Amino acid sequence: MIDSILNRDRKRIVLDRLLITDPVHGKVLVTDPTTIKQHAAHHFQQYALPQTTVPPMNDRWLQQYAPKEYIKDEWYQSLMVPLTWEEWTATIQSLPNDKACGPSKLHNEFYKHAGPHIAKLT
């Protein structure tokens, strides 16, 4: 929506060639759109899906993720308590100026100078 309001083009990735490893011919450059789609679909079906089984962790990581005696539960009691409007506005006002914007393409100054009705949307 923001891109549309600001008249920005949506960037796309175009796969017009694909380098694959063939067991018989070695590395092969594919330019046929249908073959590229088939290989891309196969890749995402095989490699991009979440794993159903979790690989076992070695002892180092088991120890790292084990509960720690020195971490107290009460430290996290207020973690999910929603911010008050005053805390939210104080946080927005404390954001640094002249920094790169995020995915929304809006700088911190936009949020700081937005009126109360717009600020409640963020």
PDB file of N, CA and C in Angstrom:
ATOM      1  N   MET A   1       0.825  -1.180   0.000  1.00  0.00           N
ATOM      2  CA  MET A   1       0.000   0.000   0.000  1.00  0.00           C
ATOM      3  C   MET A   1       0.870   1.245   0.000  1.00  0.00           C
ATOM      4  N   ILE A   2       1.918   1.266   0.819  1.00  0.00           N
ATOM      5  CA  ILE A   2       2.784   2.444   0.898  1.00  0.00           C
ATOM      6  C   ILE A   2       3.478   2.672  -0.433  1.00  0.00           C
ATOM      7  N   ASP A   3       3.932   1.600  -1.086  1.00  0.00           N
ATOM      8  CA  ASP A   3       4.558   1.745  -2.396  1.00  0.00           C
ATOM      9  C   ASP A   3       3.594   2.360  -3.399  1.00  0.00           C
ATOM     10  N   SER A   4       2.325   1.970  -3.332  1.00  0.00           N
ATOM     11  CA  SER A   4       1.328   2.515  -4.244  1.00  0.00           C
ATOM     12  C   SER A   4       1.101   3.996  -3.981  1.00  0.00           C
ATOM     13  N   ILE A   5       0.989   4.385  -2.719  1.00  0.00           N
ATOM     14  CA  ILE A   5       0.758   5.790  -2.371  1.00  0.00           C
ATOM     15  C   ILE A   5       1.935   6.651  -2.805  1.00  0.00           C
ATOM     16  N   LEU A   6       3.147   6.137  -2.636  1.00  0.00           N
ATOM     17  CA  LEU A   6       4.347   6.893  -2.969  1.00  0.00           C
ATOM     18  C   LEU A   6       4.784   6.717  -4.421  1.00  0.00           C
ATOM     19  N   ASN A   7       3.958   6.032  -5.225  1.00  0.00           N
ATOM     20  CA  ASN A   7       4.240   5.795  -6.643  1.00  0.00           C
ATOM     21  C   ASN A   7       5.608   5.147  -6.861  1.00  0.00           C
ATOM     22  N   ARG A   8       5.906   4.141  -6.056  1.00  0.00           N
ATOM     23  CA  ARG A   8       7.171   3.425  -6.204  1.00  0.00           C
ATOM     24  C   ARG A   8       6.912   2.104  -6.910  1.00  0.00           C
ATOM     25  N   ASP A   9       7.865   1.712  -7.726  1.00  0.00           N
ATOM     26  CA  ASP A   9       7.753   0.430  -8.423  1.00  0.00           C
ATOM     27  C   ASP A   9       8.089  -0.702  -7.470  1.00  0.00           C
ATOM     28  N   ARG A  10       7.399  -1.802  -7.645  1.00  0.00           N
ATOM     29  CA  ARG A  10       7.689  -3.005  -6.867  1.00  0.00           C
ATOM     30  C   ARG A  10       8.832  -3.734  -7.545  1.00  0.00           C
ATOM     31  N   LYS A  11       9.859  -4.046  -6.782  1.00  0.00           N
ATOM     32  CA  LYS A  11      11.018  -4.725  -7.348  1.00  0.00           C
ATOM     33  C   LYS A  11      10.762  -6.223  -7.364  1.00  0.00           C
ATOM     34  N   ARG A  12      11.192  -6.856  -8.439  1.00  0.00           N
ATOM     35  CA  ARG A  12      10.982  -8.287  -8.596  1.00  0.00           C
ATOM     36  C   ARG A  12      12.301  -8.948  -8.969  1.00  0.00           C
ATOM     37  N   ILE A  13      12.409 -10.196  -8.631  1.00  0.00           N
ATOM     38  CA  ILE A  13      13.542 -11.004  -9.057  1.00  0.00           C
ATOM     39  C   ILE A  13      13.077 -11.835 -10.240  1.00  0.00           C
ATOM     40  N   VAL A  14      13.816 -11.768 -11.327  1.00  0.00           N
ATOM     41  CA  VAL A  14      13.464 -12.510 -12.533  1.00  0.00           C
ATOM     42  C   VAL A  14      14.510 -13.598 -12.738  1.00  0.00           C
ATOM     43  N   LEU A  15      14.059 -14.832 -12.781  1.00  0.00           N
ATOM     44  CA  LEU A  15      14.949 -15.955 -13.064  1.00  0.00           C
ATOM     45  C   LEU A  15      14.863 -16.256 -14.556  1.00  0.00           C
ATOM     46  N   ASP A  16      15.801 -15.715 -15.330  1.00  0.00           N
ATOM     47  CA  ASP A  16      15.791 -15.982 -16.764  1.00  0.00           C
ATOM     48  C   ASP A  16      16.895 -16.949 -17.165  1.00  0.00           C
ATOM     49  N   ARG A  17      17.740 -17.315 -16.212  1.00  0.00           N
ATOM     50  CA  ARG A  17      18.758 -18.348 -16.444  1.00  0.00           C
ATOM     51  C   ARG A  17      19.087 -18.992 -15.108  1.00  0.00           C
ATOM     52  N   LEU A  18      19.485 -20.237 -15.191  1.00  0.00           N
ATOM     53  CA  LEU A  18      19.728 -21.014 -13.982  1.00  0.00           C
ATOM     54  C   LEU A  18      20.898 -21.957 -14.230  1.00  0.00           C
ATOM     55  N   LEU A  19      21.857 -21.941 -13.313  1.00  0.00           N
ATOM     56  CA  LEU A  19      23.004 -22.831 -13.420  1.00  0.00           C
ATOM     57  C   LEU A  19      22.750 -24.035 -12.522  1.00  0.00           C
ATOM     58  N   ILE A  20      22.645 -25.211 -13.138  1.00  0.00           N
ATOM     59  CA  ILE A  20      22.372 -26.428 -12.380  1.00  0.00           C
ATOM     60  C   ILE A  20      23.536 -27.397 -12.548  1.00  0.00           C
ATOM     61  N   THR A  21      23.634 -28.327 -11.616  1.00  0.00           N
ATOM     62  CA  THR A  21      24.648 -29.375 -11.707  1.00  0.00           C
ATOM     63  C   THR A  21      23.967 -30.667 -12.132  1.00  0.00           C
ATOM     64  N   ASP A  22      24.302 -31.100 -13.314  1.00  0.00           N
ATOM     65  CA  ASP A  22      23.744 -32.325 -13.871  1.00  0.00           C
ATOM     66  C   ASP A  22      24.737 -33.454 -13.600  1.00  0.00           C
ATOM     67  N   PRO A  23      24.260 -34.638 -13.147  1.00  0.00           N
ATOM     68  CA  PRO A  23      25.199 -35.728 -12.847  1.00  0.00           C
ATOM     69  C   PRO A  23      25.969 -36.227 -14.069  1.00  0.00           C
ATOM     70  N   VAL A  24      25.412 -36.053 -15.262  1.00  0.00           N
ATOM     71  CA  VAL A  24      26.067 -36.552 -16.477  1.00  0.00           C
ATOM     72  C   VAL A  24      26.926 -35.460 -17.129  1.00  0.00           C
ATOM     73  N   HIS A  25      26.363 -34.266 -17.290  1.00  0.00           N
ATOM     74  CA  HIS A  25      27.019 -33.203 -18.047  1.00  0.00           C
ATOM     75  C   HIS A  25      27.734 -32.177 -17.172  1.00  0.00           C
ATOM     76  N   GLY A  26      27.679 -32.307 -15.871  1.00  0.00           N
ATOM     77  CA  GLY A  26      28.311 -31.314 -14.986  1.00  0.00           C
ATOM     78  C   GLY A  26      27.441 -30.072 -14.869  1.00  0.00           C
ATOM     79  N   LYS A  27      28.062 -28.909 -14.867  1.00  0.00           N
ATOM     80  CA  LYS A  27      27.307 -27.644 -14.741  1.00  0.00           C
ATOM     81  C   LYS A  27      26.669 -27.299 -16.085  1.00  0.00           C
ATOM     82  N   VAL A  28      25.361 -27.007 -16.036  1.00  0.00           N
ATOM     83  CA  VAL A  28      24.606 -26.713 -17.253  1.00  0.00           C
ATOM     84  C   VAL A  28      23.839 -25.410 -17.022  1.00  0.00           C
ATOM     85  N   LEU A  29      23.898 -24.500 -17.996  1.00  0.00           N
ATOM     86  CA  LEU A  29      23.141 -23.256 -17.934  1.00  0.00           C
ATOM     87  C   LEU A  29      21.795 -23.471 -18.610  1.00  0.00           C
ATOM     88  N   VAL A  30      20.722 -23.296 -17.844  1.00  0.00           N
ATOM     89  CA  VAL A  30      19.365 -23.500 -18.356  1.00  0.00           C
ATOM     90  C   VAL A  30      18.749 -22.134 -18.636  1.00  0.00           C
ATOM     91  N   THR A  31      18.172 -21.962 -19.828  1.00  0.00           N
ATOM     92  CA  THR A  31      17.510 -20.708 -20.187  1.00  0.00           C
ATOM     93  C   THR A  31      16.047 -20.906 -20.558  1.00  0.00           C
ATOM     94  N   ASP A  32      15.591 -22.141 -20.644  1.00  0.00           N
ATOM     95  CA  ASP A  32      14.200 -22.423 -20.993  1.00  0.00           C
ATOM     96  C   ASP A  32      13.305 -22.099 -19.797  1.00  0.00           C
ATOM     97  N   PRO A  33      12.326 -21.178 -19.957  1.00  0.00           N
ATOM     98  CA  PRO A  33      11.483 -20.764 -18.824  1.00  0.00           C
ATOM     99  C   PRO A  33      10.746 -21.915 -18.140  1.00  0.00           C
ATOM    100  N   THR A  34      10.274 -22.885 -18.911  1.00  0.00           N
ATOM    101  CA  THR A  34       9.553 -24.013 -18.324  1.00  0.00           C
ATOM    102  C   THR A  34      10.479 -24.856 -17.455  1.00  0.00           C
ATOM    103  N   THR A  35      11.684 -25.116 -17.944  1.00  0.00           N
ATOM    104  CA  THR A  35      12.646 -25.906 -17.183  1.00  0.00           C
ATOM    105  C   THR A  35      13.079 -25.155 -15.924  1.00  0.00           C
ATOM    106  N   ILE A  36      13.250 -23.846 -16.032  1.00  0.00           N
ATOM    107  CA  ILE A  36      13.623 -23.030 -14.861  1.00  0.00           C
ATOM    108  C   ILE A  36      12.526 -23.127 -13.804  1.00  0.00           C
ATOM    109  N   LYS A  37      11.264 -23.026 -14.218  1.00  0.00           N
ATOM    110  CA  LYS A  37      10.149 -23.125 -13.265  1.00  0.00           C
ATOM    111  C   LYS A  37      10.126 -24.487 -12.584  1.00  0.00           C
ATOM    112  N   GLN A  38      10.389 -25.541 -13.358  1.00  0.00           N
ATOM    113  CA  GLN A  38      10.402 -26.887 -12.779  1.00  0.00           C
ATOM    114  C   GLN A  38      11.512 -27.027 -11.741  1.00  0.00           C
ATOM    115  N   HIS A  39      12.706 -26.535 -12.069  1.00  0.00           N
ATOM    116  CA  HIS A  39      13.826 -26.622 -11.125  1.00  0.00           C
ATOM    117  C   HIS A  39      13.579 -25.764  -9.883  1.00  0.00           C
ATOM    118  N   ALA A  40      13.008 -24.579 -10.066  1.00  0.00           N
ATOM    119  CA  ALA A  40      12.705 -23.717  -8.919  1.00  0.00           C
ATOM    120  C   ALA A  40      11.659 -24.366  -8.017  1.00  0.00           C
ATOM    121  N   ALA A  41      10.617 -24.930  -8.609  1.00  0.00           N
ATOM    122  CA  ALA A  41       9.585 -25.609  -7.824  1.00  0.00           C
ATOM    123  C   ALA A  41      10.173 -26.791  -7.065  1.00  0.00           C
ATOM    124  N   HIS A  42      11.020 -27.563  -7.736  1.00  0.00           N
ATOM    125  CA  HIS A  42      11.666 -28.709  -7.087  1.00  0.00           C
ATOM    126  C   HIS A  42      12.538 -28.243  -5.927  1.00  0.00           C
ATOM    127  N   HIS A  43      13.284 -27.173  -6.138  1.00  0.00           N
ATOM    128  CA  HIS A  43      14.145 -26.650  -5.073  1.00  0.00           C
ATOM    129  C   HIS A  43      13.322 -26.289  -3.841  1.00  0.00           C
ATOM    130  N   PHE A  44      12.243 -25.539  -4.029  1.00  0.00           N
ATOM    131  CA  PHE A  44      11.450 -25.102  -2.884  1.00  0.00           C
ATOM    132  C   PHE A  44      10.682 -26.252  -2.240  1.00  0.00           C
ATOM    133  N   GLN A  45      10.325 -27.257  -3.025  1.00  0.00           N
ATOM    134  CA  GLN A  45       9.659 -28.420  -2.448  1.00  0.00           C
ATOM    135  C   GLN A  45      10.625 -29.266  -1.637  1.00  0.00           C
ATOM    136  N   GLN A  46      11.873 -29.345  -2.069  1.00  0.00           N
ATOM    137  CA  GLN A  46      12.846 -30.198  -1.401  1.00  0.00           C
ATOM    138  C   GLN A  46      13.607 -29.489  -0.277  1.00  0.00           C
ATOM    139  N   TYR A  47      13.994 -28.236  -0.503  1.00  0.00           N
ATOM    140  CA  TYR A  47      14.936 -27.593   0.395  1.00  0.00           C
ATOM    141  C   TYR A  47      14.367 -26.437   1.203  1.00  0.00           C
ATOM    142  N   ALA A  48      13.306 -25.813   0.764  1.00  0.00           N
ATOM    143  CA  ALA A  48      12.798 -24.642   1.456  1.00  0.00           C
ATOM    144  C   ALA A  48      11.670 -24.955   2.432  1.00  0.00           C
ATOM    145  N   LEU A  49      11.172 -26.170   2.423  1.00  0.00           N
ATOM    146  CA  LEU A  49      10.114 -26.537   3.352  1.00  0.00           C
ATOM    147  C   LEU A  49      10.692 -26.771   4.737  1.00  0.00           C
ATOM    148  N   PRO A  50       9.929 -26.509   5.782  1.00  0.00           N
ATOM    149  CA  PRO A  50      10.453 -26.767   7.127  1.00  0.00           C
ATOM    150  C   PRO A  50      10.696 -28.256   7.336  1.00  0.00           C
ATOM    151  N   GLN A  51      11.737 -28.539   8.085  1.00  0.00           N
ATOM    152  CA  GLN A  51      12.057 -29.930   8.361  1.00  0.00           C
ATOM    153  C   GLN A  51      11.053 -30.494   9.359  1.00  0.00           C
ATOM    154  N   THR A  52      10.645 -31.738   9.126  1.00  0.00           N
ATOM    155  CA  THR A  52       9.691 -32.357  10.042  1.00  0.00           C
ATOM    156  C   THR A  52      10.406 -32.993  11.229  1.00  0.00           C
ATOM    157  N   THR A  53      11.655 -33.357  11.046  1.00  0.00           N
ATOM    158  CA  THR A  53      12.421 -33.923  12.150  1.00  0.00           C
ATOM    159  C   THR A  53      13.541 -32.955  12.509  1.00  0.00           C
ATOM    160  N   VAL A  54      13.738 -32.776  13.779  1.00  0.00           N
ATOM    161  CA  VAL A  54      14.773 -31.871  14.257  1.00  0.00           C
ATOM    162  C   VAL A  54      16.078 -32.641  14.358  1.00  0.00           C
ATOM    163  N   PRO A  55      17.136 -32.128  13.735  1.00  0.00           N
ATOM    164  CA  PRO A  55      18.404 -32.848  13.850  1.00  0.00           C
ATOM    165  C   PRO A  55      18.912 -32.804  15.291  1.00  0.00           C
ATOM    166  N   PRO A  56      19.593 -33.854  15.732  1.00  0.00           N
ATOM    167  CA  PRO A  56      20.079 -33.879  17.115  1.00  0.00           C
ATOM    168  C   PRO A  56      21.165 -32.830  17.338  1.00  0.00           C
ATOM    169  N   MET A  57      21.157 -32.249  18.542  1.00  0.00           N
ATOM    170  CA  MET A  57      22.172 -31.263  18.898  1.00  0.00           C
ATOM    171  C   MET A  57      23.338 -31.956  19.584  1.00  0.00           C
ATOM    172  N   ASN A  58      24.525 -31.407  19.387  1.00  0.00           N
ATOM    173  CA  ASN A  58      25.680 -31.966  20.078  1.00  0.00           C
ATOM    174  C   ASN A  58      25.692 -31.462  21.531  1.00  0.00           C
ATOM    175  N   ASP A  59      26.598 -31.976  22.337  1.00  0.00           N
ATOM    176  CA  ASP A  59      26.634 -31.652  23.770  1.00  0.00           C
ATOM    177  C   ASP A  59      26.828 -30.166  24.025  1.00  0.00           C
ATOM    178  N   ARG A  60      27.615 -29.514  23.180  1.00  0.00           N
ATOM    179  CA  ARG A  60      27.847 -28.071  23.375  1.00  0.00           C
ATOM    180  C   ARG A  60      26.545 -27.279  23.321  1.00  0.00           C
ATOM    181  N   TRP A  61      25.681 -27.590  22.323  1.00  0.00           N
ATOM    182  CA  TRP A  61      24.433 -26.856  22.184  1.00  0.00           C
ATOM    183  C   TRP A  61      23.396 -27.302  23.214  1.00  0.00           C
ATOM    184  N   LEU A  62      23.406 -28.558  23.585  1.00  0.00           N
ATOM    185  CA  LEU A  62      22.509 -28.998  24.659  1.00  0.00           C
ATOM    186  C   LEU A  62      22.805 -28.233  25.943  1.00  0.00           C
ATOM    187  N   GLN A  63      24.076 -28.053  26.230  1.00  0.00           N
ATOM    188  CA  GLN A  63      24.474 -27.295  27.423  1.00  0.00           C
ATOM    189  C   GLN A  63      24.094 -25.823  27.277  1.00  0.00           C
ATOM    190  N   GLN A  64      24.254 -25.278  26.078  1.00  0.00           N
ATOM    191  CA  GLN A  64      23.924 -23.865  25.853  1.00  0.00           C
ATOM    192  C   GLN A  64      22.428 -23.599  26.060  1.00  0.00           C
ATOM    193  N   TYR A  65      21.567 -24.523  25.637  1.00  0.00           N
ATOM    194  CA  TYR A  65      20.128 -24.329  25.740  1.00  0.00           C
ATOM    195  C   TYR A  65      19.524 -24.888  27.031  1.00  0.00           C
ATOM    196  N   ALA A  66      20.319 -25.468  27.866  1.00  0.00           N
ATOM    197  CA  ALA A  66      19.812 -25.982  29.143  1.00  0.00           C
ATOM    198  C   ALA A  66      19.383 -24.807  30.026  1.00  0.00           C
ATOM    199  N   PRO A  67      18.362 -25.008  30.880  1.00  0.00           N
ATOM    200  CA  PRO A  67      17.943 -23.920  31.780  1.00  0.00           C
ATOM    201  C   PRO A  67      19.118 -23.445  32.642  1.00  0.00           C
ATOM    202  N   LYS A  68      19.186 -22.135  32.825  1.00  0.00           N
ATOM    203  CA  LYS A  68      20.268 -21.531  33.602  1.00  0.00           C
ATOM    204  C   LYS A  68      19.748 -21.167  34.991  1.00  0.00           C
ATOM    205  N   GLU A  69      20.514 -21.526  35.999  1.00  0.00           N
ATOM    206  CA  GLU A  69      20.128 -21.263  37.392  1.00  0.00           C
ATOM    207  C   GLU A  69      20.060 -19.767  37.691  1.00  0.00           C
ATOM    208  N   TYR A  70      20.938 -18.984  37.056  1.00  0.00           N
ATOM    209  CA  TYR A  70      21.048 -17.559  37.388  1.00  0.00           C
ATOM    210  C   TYR A  70      19.989 -16.694  36.705  1.00  0.00           C
ATOM    211  N   ILE A  71      19.182 -17.262  35.807  1.00  0.00           N
ATOM    212  CA  ILE A  71      18.118 -16.503  35.151  1.00  0.00           C
ATOM    213  C   ILE A  71      16.843 -16.683  35.951  1.00  0.00           C
ATOM    214  N   LYS A  72      16.285 -15.572  36.395  1.00  0.00           N
ATOM    215  CA  LYS A  72      15.110 -15.599  37.257  1.00  0.00           C
ATOM    216  C   LYS A  72      13.835 -15.379  36.430  1.00  0.00           C
ATOM    217  N   ASP A  73      12.789 -16.141  36.736  1.00  0.00           N
ATOM    218  CA  ASP A  73      11.520 -16.024  36.019  1.00  0.00           C
ATOM    219  C   ASP A  73      10.912 -14.634  36.147  1.00  0.00           C
ATOM    220  N   GLU A  74      11.073 -13.997  37.294  1.00  0.00           N
ATOM    221  CA  GLU A  74      10.440 -12.685  37.496  1.00  0.00           C
ATOM    222  C   GLU A  74      11.015 -11.605  36.590  1.00  0.00           C
ATOM    223  N   TRP A  75      12.178 -11.820  36.015  1.00  0.00           N
ATOM    224  CA  TRP A  75      12.738 -10.856  35.073  1.00  0.00           C
ATOM    225  C   TRP A  75      11.848 -10.702  33.835  1.00  0.00           C
ATOM    226  N   TYR A  76      11.070 -11.714  33.531  1.00  0.00           N
ATOM    227  CA  TYR A  76      10.283 -11.717  32.303  1.00  0.00           C
ATOM    228  C   TYR A  76       8.784 -11.558  32.556  1.00  0.00           C
ATOM    229  N   GLN A  77       8.387 -11.250  33.782  1.00  0.00           N
ATOM    230  CA  GLN A  77       6.963 -11.122  34.119  1.00  0.00           C
ATOM    231  C   GLN A  77       6.277 -10.044  33.284  1.00  0.00           C
ATOM    232  N   SER A  78       6.948  -8.914  33.057  1.00  0.00           N
ATOM    233  CA  SER A  78       6.307  -7.793  32.371  1.00  0.00           C
ATOM    234  C   SER A  78       6.592  -7.773  30.866  1.00  0.00           C
ATOM    235  N   LEU A  79       7.157  -8.821  30.352  1.00  0.00           N
ATOM    236  CA  LEU A  79       7.565  -8.842  28.953  1.00  0.00           C
ATOM    237  C   LEU A  79       6.391  -8.649  27.991  1.00  0.00           C
ATOM    238  N   MET A  80       5.262  -9.265  28.263  1.00  0.00           N
ATOM    239  CA  MET A  80       4.125  -9.204  27.351  1.00  0.00           C
ATOM    240  C   MET A  80       3.075  -8.165  27.745  1.00  0.00           C
ATOM    241  N   VAL A  81       3.381  -7.325  28.721  1.00  0.00           N
ATOM    242  CA  VAL A  81       2.452  -6.266  29.107  1.00  0.00           C
ATOM    243  C   VAL A  81       2.480  -5.196  28.011  1.00  0.00           C
ATOM    244  N   PRO A  82       1.337  -4.837  27.456  1.00  0.00           N
ATOM    245  CA  PRO A  82       1.324  -3.836  26.380  1.00  0.00           C
ATOM    246  C   PRO A  82       1.861  -2.491  26.866  1.00  0.00           C
ATOM    247  N   LEU A  83       2.502  -1.761  25.947  1.00  0.00           N
ATOM    248  CA  LEU A  83       3.006  -0.432  26.266  1.00  0.00           C
ATOM    249  C   LEU A  83       1.849   0.532  26.481  1.00  0.00           C
ATOM    250  N   THR A  84       2.066   1.514  27.324  1.00  0.00           N
ATOM    251  CA  THR A  84       1.088   2.601  27.438  1.00  0.00           C
ATOM    252  C   THR A  84       1.327   3.563  26.277  1.00  0.00           C
ATOM    253  N   TRP A  85       0.333   4.431  26.031  1.00  0.00           N
ATOM    254  CA  TRP A  85       0.487   5.410  24.957  1.00  0.00           C
ATOM    255  C   TRP A  85       1.678   6.323  25.239  1.00  0.00           C
ATOM    256  N   GLU A  86       1.916   6.672  26.473  1.00  0.00           N
ATOM    257  CA  GLU A  86       3.041   7.536  26.833  1.00  0.00           C
ATOM    258  C   GLU A  86       4.376   6.831  26.563  1.00  0.00           C
ATOM    259  N   GLU A  87       4.465   5.532  26.907  1.00  0.00           N
ATOM    260  CA  GLU A  87       5.695   4.779  26.636  1.00  0.00           C
ATOM    261  C   GLU A  87       5.945   4.675  25.127  1.00  0.00           C
ATOM    262  N   TRP A  88       4.863   4.472  24.373  1.00  0.00           N
ATOM    263  CA  TRP A  88       4.992   4.360  22.922  1.00  0.00           C
ATOM    264  C   TRP A  88       5.494   5.660  22.317  1.00  0.00           C
ATOM    265  N   THR A  89       4.889   6.782  22.685  1.00  0.00           N
ATOM    266  CA  THR A  89       5.322   8.067  22.124  1.00  0.00           C
ATOM    267  C   THR A  89       6.737   8.418  22.579  1.00  0.00           C
ATOM    268  N   ALA A  90       7.099   8.087  23.811  1.00  0.00           N
ATOM    269  CA  ALA A  90       8.463   8.339  24.278  1.00  0.00           C
ATOM    270  C   ALA A  90       9.462   7.514  23.469  1.00  0.00           C
ATOM    271  N   THR A  91       9.109   6.285  23.154  1.00  0.00           N
ATOM    272  CA  THR A  91       9.988   5.437  22.356  1.00  0.00           C
ATOM    273  C   THR A  91      10.148   5.996  20.949  1.00  0.00           C
ATOM    274  N   ILE A  92       9.047   6.418  20.330  1.00  0.00           N
ATOM    275  CA  ILE A  92       9.109   7.000  18.987  1.00  0.00           C
ATOM    276  C   ILE A  92       9.975   8.259  19.002  1.00  0.00           C
ATOM    277  N   GLN A  93       9.784   9.117  20.000  1.00  0.00           N
ATOM    278  CA  GLN A  93      10.556  10.363  20.069  1.00  0.00           C
ATOM    279  C   GLN A  93      12.032  10.116  20.344  1.00  0.00           C
ATOM    280  N   SER A  94      12.380   8.974  20.946  1.00  0.00           N
ATOM    281  CA  SER A  94      13.786   8.688  21.242  1.00  0.00           C
ATOM    282  C   SER A  94      14.525   8.053  20.062  1.00  0.00           C
ATOM    283  N   LEU A  95      13.807   7.743  18.977  1.00  0.00           N
ATOM    284  CA  LEU A  95      14.470   7.174  17.809  1.00  0.00           C
ATOM    285  C   LEU A  95      15.451   8.180  17.223  1.00  0.00           C
ATOM    286  N   PRO A  96      16.607   7.719  16.733  1.00  0.00           N
ATOM    287  CA  PRO A  96      17.590   8.647  16.173  1.00  0.00           C
ATOM    288  C   PRO A  96      17.137   9.191  14.815  1.00  0.00           C
ATOM    289  N   ASN A  97      17.542  10.412  14.519  1.00  0.00           N
ATOM    290  CA  ASN A  97      17.264  11.024  13.213  1.00  0.00           C
ATOM    291  C   ASN A  97      18.365  10.655  12.235  1.00  0.00           C
ATOM    292  N   ASP A  98      18.110  10.913  10.952  1.00  0.00           N
ATOM    293  CA  ASP A  98      19.097  10.731   9.887  1.00  0.00           C
ATOM    294  C   ASP A  98      19.643   9.317   9.811  1.00  0.00           C
ATOM    295  N   LYS A  99      18.785   8.350   9.998  1.00  0.00           N
ATOM    296  CA  LYS A  99      19.173   6.947   9.860  1.00  0.00           C
ATOM    297  C   LYS A  99      18.455   6.353   8.656  1.00  0.00           C
ATOM    298  N   ALA A 100      18.990   5.276   8.136  1.00  0.00           N
ATOM    299  CA  ALA A 100      18.368   4.609   6.994  1.00  0.00           C
ATOM    300  C   ALA A 100      17.002   4.064   7.404  1.00  0.00           C
ATOM    301  N   CYS A 101      16.066   4.121   6.465  1.00  0.00           N
ATOM    302  CA  CYS A 101      14.722   3.625   6.758  1.00  0.00           C
ATOM    303  C   CYS A 101      14.667   2.113   6.578  1.00  0.00           C
ATOM    304  N   GLY A 102      13.621   1.536   7.113  1.00  0.00           N
ATOM    305  CA  GLY A 102      13.440   0.088   7.027  1.00  0.00           C
ATOM    306  C   GLY A 102      12.649  -0.293   5.802  1.00  0.00           C
ATOM    307  N   PRO A 103      12.014  -1.475   5.847  1.00  0.00           N
ATOM    308  CA  PRO A 103      11.257  -1.960   4.681  1.00  0.00           C
ATOM    309  C   PRO A 103      10.106  -1.048   4.276  1.00  0.00           C
ATOM    310  N   SER A 104       9.573  -0.260   5.211  1.00  0.00           N
ATOM    311  CA  SER A 104       8.465   0.634   4.871  1.00  0.00           C
ATOM    312  C   SER A 104       8.925   1.834   4.056  1.00  0.00           C
ATOM    313  N   LYS A 105      10.236   2.059   3.989  1.00  0.00           N
ATOM    314  CA  LYS A 105      10.831   3.203   3.288  1.00  0.00           C
ATOM    315  C   LYS A 105      10.472   4.531   3.946  1.00  0.00           C
ATOM    316  N   LEU A 106      10.060   4.506   5.207  1.00  0.00           N
ATOM    317  CA  LEU A 106       9.735   5.718   5.949  1.00  0.00           C
ATOM    318  C   LEU A 106      10.787   5.936   7.029  1.00  0.00           C
ATOM    319  N   HIS A 107      11.332   7.133   7.080  1.00  0.00           N
ATOM    320  CA  HIS A 107      12.367   7.465   8.060  1.00  0.00           C
ATOM    321  C   HIS A 107      11.747   7.732   9.428  1.00  0.00           C
ATOM    322  N   ASN A 108      12.576   7.678  10.459  1.00  0.00           N
ATOM    323  CA  ASN A 108      12.103   7.923  11.826  1.00  0.00           C
ATOM    324  C   ASN A 108      11.447   9.295  11.956  1.00  0.00           C
ATOM    325  N   GLU A 109      11.932  10.269  11.204  1.00  0.00           N
ATOM    326  CA  GLU A 109      11.362  11.621  11.280  1.00  0.00           C
ATOM    327  C   GLU A 109       9.890  11.621  10.884  1.00  0.00           C
ATOM    328  N   PHE A 110       9.500  10.748   9.959  1.00  0.00           N
ATOM    329  CA  PHE A 110       8.088  10.654   9.564  1.00  0.00           C
ATOM    330  C   PHE A 110       7.224  10.310  10.771  1.00  0.00           C
ATOM    331  N   TYR A 111       7.658   9.310  11.529  1.00  0.00           N
ATOM    332  CA  TYR A 111       6.881   8.881  12.689  1.00  0.00           C
ATOM    333  C   TYR A 111       6.878   9.944  13.773  1.00  0.00           C
ATOM    334  N   LYS A 112       7.998  10.651  13.923  1.00  0.00           N
ATOM    335  CA  LYS A 112       8.089  11.680  14.961  1.00  0.00           C
ATOM    336  C   LYS A 112       7.166  12.856  14.675  1.00  0.00           C
ATOM    337  N   HIS A 113       7.015  13.198  13.405  1.00  0.00           N
ATOM    338  CA  HIS A 113       6.224  14.371  13.046  1.00  0.00           C
ATOM    339  C   HIS A 113       4.791  14.033  12.661  1.00  0.00           C
ATOM    340  N   ALA A 114       4.451  12.757  12.662  1.00  0.00           N
ATOM    341  CA  ALA A 114       3.082  12.356  12.313  1.00  0.00           C
ATOM    342  C   ALA A 114       2.127  12.802  13.412  1.00  0.00           C
ATOM    343  N   GLY A 115       0.947  13.140  13.025  1.00  0.00           N
ATOM    344  CA  GLY A 115      -0.054  13.563  13.988  1.00  0.00           C
ATOM    345  C   GLY A 115      -0.516  12.374  14.837  1.00  0.00           C
ATOM    346  N   PRO A 116      -1.314  12.623  15.879  1.00  0.00           N
ATOM    347  CA  PRO A 116      -1.734  11.559  16.768  1.00  0.00           C
ATOM    348  C   PRO A 116      -2.571  10.471  16.086  1.00  0.00           C
ATOM    349  N   HIS A 117      -3.355  10.852  15.073  1.00  0.00           N
ATOM    350  CA  HIS A 117      -4.182   9.849  14.397  1.00  0.00           C
ATOM    351  C   HIS A 117      -3.308   8.902  13.564  1.00  0.00           C
ATOM    352  N   ILE A 118      -2.305   9.443  12.894  1.00  0.00           N
ATOM    353  CA  ILE A 118      -1.379   8.609  12.123  1.00  0.00           C
ATOM    354  C   ILE A 118      -0.487   7.820  13.051  1.00  0.00           C
ATOM    355  N   ALA A 119      -0.037   8.427  14.129  1.00  0.00           N
ATOM    356  CA  ALA A 119       0.865   7.757  15.062  1.00  0.00           C
ATOM    357  C   ALA A 119       0.212   6.515  15.671  1.00  0.00           C
ATOM    358  N   LYS A 120      -1.109   6.551  15.846  1.00  0.00           N
ATOM    359  CA  LYS A 120      -1.791   5.375  16.414  1.00  0.00           C
ATOM    360  C   LYS A 120      -1.854   4.226  15.427  1.00  0.00           C
ATOM    361  N   LEU A 121      -1.642   4.478  14.156  1.00  0.00           N
ATOM    362  CA  LEU A 121      -1.655   3.412  13.147  1.00  0.00           C
ATOM    363  C   LEU A 121      -0.360   2.634  13.140  1.00  0.00           C
ATOM    364  N   THR A 122       0.743   3.200  13.604  1.00  0.00           N
ATOM    365  CA  THR A 122       2.044   2.534  13.511  1.00  0.00           C
ATOM    366  C   THR A 122       2.210   1.455  14.506  1.00  0.00           C
TER     367      THR A 122
END
